[in-house]
């Protein structure tokens, strides 16, 4: 099958482990001809956006990449996301399946017109928004989501076989905000890269990782990662909690980019039990998680949640409505509030019940691998 992904609502950065990287990779691995149409915006290693200078190329997974110029690059207008070359790129690729990632751009109507003229094309849409990361002010909620983006969803729904939410909360968002019928909505989880899961748990790789970070067998190894900014300061609470746990031989490793305003406070919380190791690339993140006893994510949802579940590692995460899907029956503990005390209590509970959590974490981890998810996405 010829599958074309339209990913124009965010940054698609080569070599990262987001859904718009790995879903095309494993659809390609399953024997399909896959193209991704994306914007030129990418993330750099400092966590800032920059423009990619390439337009057409084949990435390291054998997926064709087409990067389009947008009409606006800055200001409120950039939210409108207009790409003059979109319809020409789709027509040239001539897909059997069109997979539209997110609906928050004006040219959903352009895609509707294409699907109306090409009734043989099967279409899927997904949604990456919920009330924790979208519709957080009056303008966004009422003018964009309940207004412009809902109109697009209503127009395209008759051409779409299935609308996927990548979290249960995002399935609900499709129904509640966009009015998509329940029978057309389904959960399609984000997941882990099979190749890197297998690589990172090899005995020789694990030994090398433990040597690099000076991890001993007696250590209770806890890992957290992701961008640390003014909206994700809970990582600092985790660092505070771990630093106070003198009764447990805990080692907390923190990786990711940090905004300038928080660097002084973060460095002050580092010490014998708490290590900040800077930014890691995709491969290095898998290696470090594979060496962990526990992964902790005390802030908003990130792609690392599902990655760690796919690696079979126990987790402690902040409870957000519609994110309990990462609980496989004992592998997860949930934080109810933002406090160092509660985080400390959960770390102690995880330490005491670690054997049970590790068993549960490995039981159904295959459900969070992209080899499985890629098959489900176009079944």
Protein backbone atom coordinates (compact mmCIF):
# COMPACT_ATOMS: atom_id res chain seq x y z
CA UNK A 1 0.00 0.00 0.00
CA UNK A 2 1.08 3.57 -0.64
CA UNK A 3 0.65 5.44 2.68
CA UNK A 4 1.03 9.21 2.94
CA UNK A 5 1.21 10.86 6.37
CA UNK A 6 0.30 14.54 6.65
CA UNK A 7 2.09 15.95 9.73
CA UNK A 8 1.67 19.72 9.58
CA UNK A 9 0.59 20.60 13.12
CA UNK A 10 3.95 20.27 14.84
CA UNK A 11 7.66 19.60 14.44
CA UNK A 12 8.73 16.32 12.85
CA UNK A 13 12.38 15.85 13.80
CA UNK A 14 14.36 13.05 12.15
CA UNK A 15 15.70 10.43 14.55
CA UNK A 16 13.25 11.23 17.35
CA UNK A 17 10.88 8.72 18.90
CA UNK A 18 7.53 10.44 18.41
CA UNK A 19 4.52 8.79 16.80
CA UNK A 20 5.04 10.61 13.52
CA UNK A 21 8.54 9.10 13.35
CA UNK A 22 7.84 5.54 14.42
CA UNK A 23 4.41 4.82 12.92
CA UNK A 24 5.73 5.45 9.37
CA UNK A 25 8.91 3.48 10.19
CA UNK A 26 7.01 0.32 11.13
CA UNK A 27 4.41 0.69 8.40
CA UNK A 28 7.41 0.76 6.03
CA UNK A 29 8.91 -2.25 7.85
CA UNK A 30 5.62 -4.09 7.24
CA UNK A 31 6.09 -3.75 3.47
CA UNK A 32 4.29 -0.52 2.61
CA UNK A 33 5.54 2.43 0.55
CA UNK A 34 5.47 5.34 3.01
CA UNK A 35 5.82 9.11 2.63
CA UNK A 36 5.64 11.82 5.30
CA UNK A 37 4.60 15.36 4.36
CA UNK A 38 5.79 17.68 7.12
CA UNK A 39 6.63 21.29 7.82
CA UNK A 40 10.22 22.50 7.79
CA UNK A 41 10.18 23.13 11.56
CA UNK A 42 12.29 20.76 13.68
CA UNK A 43 13.56 20.68 17.28
CA UNK A 44 17.25 21.17 18.00
CA UNK A 45 19.21 19.69 20.92
CA UNK A 46 18.53 22.79 23.06
CA UNK A 47 14.79 22.23 22.83
CA UNK A 48 14.25 25.17 20.46
CA UNK A 49 12.58 25.20 17.05
CA UNK A 50 14.56 25.85 13.92
CA UNK A 51 14.02 25.45 10.18
CA UNK A 52 15.27 22.35 8.35
CA UNK A 53 17.10 23.16 5.12
CA UNK A 54 16.03 19.99 3.29
CA UNK A 55 12.91 19.62 1.16
CA UNK A 56 12.87 16.07 -0.29
CA UNK A 57 14.93 13.14 0.95
CA UNK A 58 14.72 9.58 2.30
CA UNK A 59 15.32 9.29 6.04
CA UNK A 60 17.28 6.58 7.86
CA UNK A 61 14.16 4.38 8.08
CA UNK A 62 13.66 4.36 4.31
CA UNK A 63 10.68 6.73 4.55
CA UNK A 64 10.39 9.51 1.96
CA UNK A 65 10.24 12.95 3.58
CA UNK A 66 8.67 15.97 1.90
CA UNK A 67 9.03 19.25 3.82
CA UNK A 68 6.80 22.16 2.88
CA UNK A 69 7.23 25.88 3.35
CA UNK A 70 4.50 27.57 5.37
CA UNK A 71 2.93 30.93 4.58
CA UNK A 72 3.60 32.30 8.08
CA UNK A 73 6.54 31.60 10.41
CA UNK A 74 5.74 33.73 13.46
CA UNK A 75 3.02 35.42 15.45
CA UNK A 76 -0.64 34.47 15.84
CA UNK A 77 -0.84 33.82 12.09
CA UNK A 78 1.53 30.84 12.45
CA UNK A 79 -1.25 28.97 14.29
CA UNK A 80 -3.24 28.97 11.04
CA UNK A 81 -0.62 26.72 9.39
CA UNK A 82 -1.09 27.30 5.67
CA UNK A 83 1.13 25.29 3.28
CA UNK A 84 0.67 26.30 -0.38
CA UNK A 85 2.36 23.14 -1.69
CA UNK A 86 0.19 20.65 0.22
CA UNK A 87 -2.33 19.53 -2.40
CA UNK A 88 0.33 19.31 -5.10
CA UNK A 89 2.46 17.06 -2.87
CA UNK A 90 -0.45 14.72 -2.06
CA UNK A 91 -1.51 14.42 -5.68
CA UNK A 92 2.02 13.62 -6.77
CA UNK A 93 2.34 10.86 -4.14
CA UNK A 94 -1.04 9.35 -5.16
CA UNK A 95 -1.75 7.47 -1.89
CA UNK A 96 -3.91 4.43 -1.22
CA UNK A 97 -4.09 5.54 2.44
CA UNK A 98 -3.96 9.11 3.71
CA UNK A 99 -3.12 9.45 7.41
CA UNK A 100 -3.74 12.95 8.77
CA UNK A 101 -2.02 13.74 12.07
CA UNK A 102 -4.09 16.21 14.07
CA UNK A 103 -6.79 18.47 12.70
CA UNK A 104 -5.64 21.86 13.98
CA UNK A 105 -4.75 23.48 10.67
CA UNK A 106 -6.80 25.35 8.09
CA UNK A 107 -6.16 23.05 5.15
CA UNK A 108 -8.29 20.19 6.46
CA UNK A 109 -10.81 21.50 3.92
CA UNK A 110 -8.16 21.13 1.19
CA UNK A 111 -7.77 17.48 2.17
CA UNK A 112 -11.58 17.06 2.14
CA UNK A 113 -11.65 18.28 -1.45
CA UNK A 114 -8.93 15.79 -2.38
CA UNK A 115 -10.76 12.89 -0.73
CA UNK A 116 -14.01 13.87 -2.41
CA UNK A 117 -12.28 13.62 -5.81
CA UNK A 118 -10.43 10.38 -4.91
CA UNK A 119 -13.03 8.10 -3.37
CA UNK A 120 -10.69 5.10 -3.61
CA UNK A 121 -8.37 6.61 -0.95
CA UNK A 122 -8.84 5.36 2.62
CA UNK A 123 -8.36 8.11 5.21
CA UNK A 124 -7.47 8.06 8.90
CA UNK A 125 -7.06 10.97 11.30
CA UNK A 126 -5.53 11.11 14.74
CA UNK A 127 -5.63 13.59 17.60
CA UNK A 128 -2.83 14.62 19.97
CA UNK A 129 -4.77 17.22 21.93
CA UNK A 130 -6.60 17.06 25.26
CA UNK A 131 -7.44 19.51 28.01
CA UNK A 132 -3.97 19.25 29.56
CA UNK A 133 -2.19 20.60 26.47
CA UNK A 134 -4.94 22.25 24.38
CA UNK A 135 -7.99 24.51 24.76
CA UNK A 136 -6.46 26.04 27.89
CA UNK A 137 -7.74 29.57 27.35
CA UNK A 138 -10.89 31.15 25.93
CA UNK A 139 -9.36 31.88 22.52
CA UNK A 140 -8.02 28.36 22.05
CA UNK A 141 -11.07 26.57 23.42
CA UNK A 142 -13.89 28.52 21.81
CA UNK A 143 -12.47 30.11 18.67
CA UNK A 144 -9.98 27.46 17.56
CA UNK A 145 -11.13 24.07 18.86
CA UNK A 146 -14.90 24.56 19.14
CA UNK A 147 -14.85 26.82 16.11
CA UNK A 148 -12.36 26.45 13.27
CA UNK A 149 -10.96 22.98 14.04
CA UNK A 150 -14.42 21.52 14.77
CA UNK A 151 -15.68 22.75 11.39
CA UNK A 152 -12.78 20.92 9.74
CA UNK A 153 -13.49 17.74 11.71
CA UNK A 154 -17.16 17.84 10.76
CA UNK A 155 -16.32 18.28 7.08
CA UNK A 156 -13.78 15.49 6.92
CA UNK A 157 -15.56 12.90 9.08
CA UNK A 158 -17.58 11.39 6.22
CA UNK A 159 -14.35 10.57 4.36
CA UNK A 160 -12.48 9.11 7.35
CA UNK A 161 -12.61 5.44 8.29
CA UNK A 162 -11.34 5.95 11.84
CA UNK A 163 -10.37 8.82 14.14
CA UNK A 164 -7.62 7.79 16.56
CA UNK A 165 -6.88 9.40 19.91
CA UNK A 166 -3.38 8.60 21.12
CA UNK A 167 -4.57 8.73 24.76
CA UNK A 168 -8.00 7.86 26.18
CA UNK A 169 -8.33 11.56 27.05
CA UNK A 170 -7.67 12.40 23.42
CA UNK A 171 -10.37 10.01 22.24
CA UNK A 172 -12.76 11.90 24.52
CA UNK A 173 -11.49 15.21 23.11
CA UNK A 174 -12.43 14.10 19.60
CA UNK A 175 -15.96 13.35 20.75
CA UNK A 176 -16.49 16.26 23.15
CA UNK A 177 -14.76 19.10 21.32
CA UNK A 178 -15.09 18.12 17.66
CA UNK A 179 -18.35 16.14 17.75
CA UNK A 180 -16.87 13.04 16.10
CA UNK A 181 -19.27 10.06 16.44
CA UNK A 182 -18.22 7.52 19.05
CA UNK A 183 -18.32 4.64 16.57
CA UNK A 184 -15.63 6.36 14.50
CA UNK A 185 -13.30 6.95 17.48
CA UNK A 186 -10.69 4.55 18.79
CA UNK A 187 -7.56 4.50 20.96
CA UNK A 188 -4.26 4.04 19.11
CA UNK A 189 -1.53 4.21 21.73
CA UNK A 190 1.87 5.76 21.31
CA UNK A 191 4.57 3.16 21.85
CA UNK A 192 8.25 2.19 21.85
CA UNK A 193 10.64 1.49 19.00
CA UNK A 194 11.10 -2.30 18.87
CA UNK A 195 14.63 -2.01 17.50
CA UNK A 196 15.85 0.17 20.35
CA UNK A 197 14.01 -1.86 23.00
CA UNK A 198 15.83 -5.00 21.88
CA UNK A 199 19.15 -3.20 21.49
CA UNK A 200 19.09 -1.46 24.88
CA UNK A 201 18.42 -4.64 26.87
CA UNK A 202 21.30 -6.64 25.39
CA UNK A 203 23.62 -7.83 28.14
CA UNK A 204 26.69 -6.09 26.73
CA UNK A 205 24.81 -2.82 26.21
CA UNK A 206 23.36 -2.90 29.74
CA UNK A 207 26.82 -3.52 31.20
CA UNK A 208 28.27 -0.60 29.22
CA UNK A 209 25.43 1.68 30.33
CA UNK A 210 25.85 0.79 33.99
CA UNK A 211 29.58 1.40 33.78
CA UNK A 212 29.05 4.77 32.10
CA UNK A 213 26.73 6.00 34.85
CA UNK A 214 28.51 4.14 37.70
CA UNK A 215 25.48 2.06 38.61
CA UNK A 216 26.04 -0.69 41.18
CA UNK A 217 23.88 -3.75 41.71
CA UNK A 218 22.73 -2.45 45.11
CA UNK A 219 21.47 0.84 43.64
CA UNK A 220 17.77 1.63 43.29
CA UNK A 221 17.99 3.33 39.88
CA UNK A 222 15.32 5.90 39.02
CA UNK A 223 15.25 7.79 35.71
CA UNK A 224 13.27 10.75 34.45
CA UNK A 225 13.62 12.68 31.21
CA UNK A 226 12.16 15.34 28.99
CA UNK A 227 12.15 19.09 28.60
CA UNK A 228 12.22 20.92 31.95
CA UNK A 229 10.47 24.26 31.62
CA UNK A 230 8.09 26.52 33.53
CA UNK A 231 5.21 24.14 32.76
CA UNK A 232 7.12 21.03 33.92
CA UNK A 233 8.72 22.10 37.19
CA UNK A 234 7.54 18.91 38.91
CA UNK A 235 10.89 17.36 37.93
CA UNK A 236 12.48 19.65 40.54
CA UNK A 237 10.12 18.20 43.17
CA UNK A 238 11.27 14.71 42.18
CA UNK A 239 14.88 15.77 42.56
CA UNK A 240 14.12 17.25 45.98
CA UNK A 241 12.35 14.07 47.10
CA UNK A 242 15.11 11.72 45.94
CA UNK A 243 17.79 13.86 47.55
CA UNK A 244 16.11 13.45 50.95
CA UNK A 245 15.86 9.61 50.85
CA UNK A 246 18.88 8.66 52.94
CA UNK A 247 17.27 5.33 53.96
CA UNK A 248 17.32 3.97 50.38
CA UNK A 249 20.37 3.61 48.15
CA UNK A 250 18.62 5.63 45.45
CA UNK A 251 20.25 7.10 42.35
CA UNK A 252 18.09 9.47 40.33
CA UNK A 253 19.23 10.34 36.81
CA UNK A 254 17.63 13.37 35.17
CA UNK A 255 18.09 14.14 31.47
CA UNK A 256 16.70 16.68 29.07
CA UNK A 257 16.96 20.34 28.17
CA UNK A 258 16.40 22.97 30.89
CA UNK A 259 15.18 26.54 30.42
CA UNK A 260 17.56 29.22 31.66
CA UNK A 261 15.22 30.37 34.47
CA UNK A 262 15.40 26.96 36.21
CA UNK A 263 19.06 26.03 35.78
CA UNK A 264 20.31 27.50 39.07
CA UNK A 265 17.63 25.72 41.10
CA UNK A 266 18.18 22.44 39.25
CA UNK A 267 21.93 22.44 39.81
CA UNK A 268 21.42 23.21 43.50
CA UNK A 269 19.33 20.01 43.84
CA UNK A 270 22.04 17.78 42.36
CA UNK A 271 24.24 15.73 44.65
CA UNK A 272 25.29 12.21 45.59
CA UNK A 273 21.81 10.76 44.99
CA UNK A 274 20.66 13.07 42.20
CA UNK A 275 22.49 13.44 38.89
CA UNK A 276 21.61 15.76 36.01
CA UNK A 277 23.23 14.36 32.88
CA UNK A 278 22.08 16.85 30.26
CA UNK A 279 20.46 16.12 26.94
CA UNK A 280 20.39 12.54 25.57
CA UNK A 281 19.67 11.45 22.05
CA UNK A 282 17.01 8.85 21.32
CA UNK A 283 19.32 5.84 21.53
CA UNK A 284 20.94 7.01 24.76
CA UNK A 285 17.53 7.52 26.38
CA UNK A 286 16.55 3.91 25.63
CA UNK A 287 19.87 2.71 27.06
CA UNK A 288 19.41 4.61 30.32
CA UNK A 289 15.77 3.55 30.78
CA UNK A 290 16.77 -0.09 30.19
CA UNK A 291 19.19 0.18 33.13
CA UNK A 292 16.52 1.66 35.42
CA UNK A 293 14.49 -0.05 38.12
CA UNK A 294 11.84 2.65 37.86
CA UNK A 295 10.93 5.59 35.62
CA UNK A 296 9.16 8.58 37.17
CA UNK A 297 7.26 11.31 35.31
CA UNK A 298 5.69 13.71 37.82
CA UNK A 299 4.46 16.29 35.29
CA UNK A 300 2.36 16.38 32.16
CA UNK A 301 2.18 13.44 29.80
CA UNK A 302 5.09 12.88 27.43
CA UNK A 303 5.96 10.26 24.83
CA UNK A 304 8.39 8.72 27.35
CA UNK A 305 5.47 7.23 29.31
CA UNK A 306 4.54 4.76 26.59
CA UNK A 307 8.15 4.21 25.60
CA UNK A 308 9.02 3.03 29.10
CA UNK A 309 5.94 0.78 29.27
CA UNK A 310 7.03 -0.75 25.96
CA UNK A 311 10.47 -1.39 27.48
CA UNK A 312 8.87 -3.29 30.36
CA UNK A 313 10.02 -0.81 33.05
CA UNK A 314 7.78 0.07 36.07
CA UNK A 315 6.61 3.68 36.22
CA UNK A 316 5.33 6.36 38.57
CA UNK A 317 3.36 9.07 36.76
CA UNK A 318 1.10 12.02 37.48
CA UNK A 319 -2.55 11.03 37.20
CA UNK A 320 -4.31 12.92 34.45
CA UNK A 321 -7.85 12.02 33.46
CA UNK A 322 -7.67 9.64 30.53
CA UNK A 323 -4.05 8.54 30.94
CA UNK A 324 -4.52 5.41 33.05
CA UNK A 325 -3.97 3.24 29.93
CA UNK A 326 -0.31 2.86 30.94
CA UNK A 327 -1.35 0.70 33.90
CA UNK A 328 -1.01 -2.93 32.78
CA UNK A 329 -2.15 -4.28 36.13
CA UNK A 330 0.46 -3.42 38.73
CA UNK A 331 3.30 -1.82 36.77
CA UNK A 332 2.26 1.77 37.53
CA UNK A 333 1.74 4.03 40.52
CA UNK A 334 -0.03 7.39 40.16
CA UNK A 335 0.72 10.74 41.76
CA UNK A 336 -2.34 12.76 42.75
CA UNK A 337 -0.71 16.11 43.53
CA UNK A 338 2.44 18.16 43.04
CA UNK A 339 4.46 17.68 46.23
CA UNK A 340 7.88 16.33 47.13
CA UNK A 341 6.35 14.46 50.06
CA UNK A 342 3.95 12.45 47.91
CA UNK A 343 6.69 11.70 45.39
CA UNK A 344 8.90 10.46 48.21
CA UNK A 345 6.11 8.19 49.48
CA UNK A 346 5.54 6.74 45.99
CA UNK A 347 9.25 6.12 45.53
CA UNK A 348 9.29 4.23 48.84
CA UNK A 349 6.21 2.21 47.84
CA UNK A 350 7.77 1.34 44.49
CA UNK A 351 10.99 0.28 46.20
CA UNK A 352 9.09 -2.00 48.59
CA UNK A 353 6.97 -3.57 45.81
CA UNK A 354 9.55 -3.52 43.04
CA UNK A 355 9.53 -7.26 42.25
CA UNK A 356 5.76 -7.25 41.73
CA UNK A 357 5.91 -4.10 39.60
CA UNK A 358 8.67 -5.52 37.39
CA UNK A 359 6.68 -8.72 36.78
CA UNK A 360 3.58 -6.74 35.85
CA UNK A 361 5.61 -4.39 33.64
CA UNK A 362 6.85 -7.21 31.43
CA UNK A 363 3.52 -9.08 31.16
CA UNK A 364 1.89 -7.05 28.36
CA UNK A 365 4.62 -4.66 27.29
CA UNK A 366 4.27 -5.86 23.66
CA UNK A 367 1.01 -3.87 23.44
CA UNK A 368 3.19 -0.73 23.54
CA UNK A 369 5.53 -1.64 20.68
CA UNK A 370 5.21 0.10 17.30
CA UNK A 371 5.41 -3.18 15.39
CA UNK A 372 2.03 -3.99 16.95
CA UNK A 373 0.58 -0.47 16.74
CA UNK A 374 1.55 -0.04 13.04
CA UNK A 375 -0.52 -3.10 12.11
CA UNK A 376 -3.51 -1.87 14.09
CA UNK A 377 -3.34 1.61 12.55
CA UNK A 378 -4.36 0.51 9.03
CA UNK A 379 -5.96 -2.85 9.65
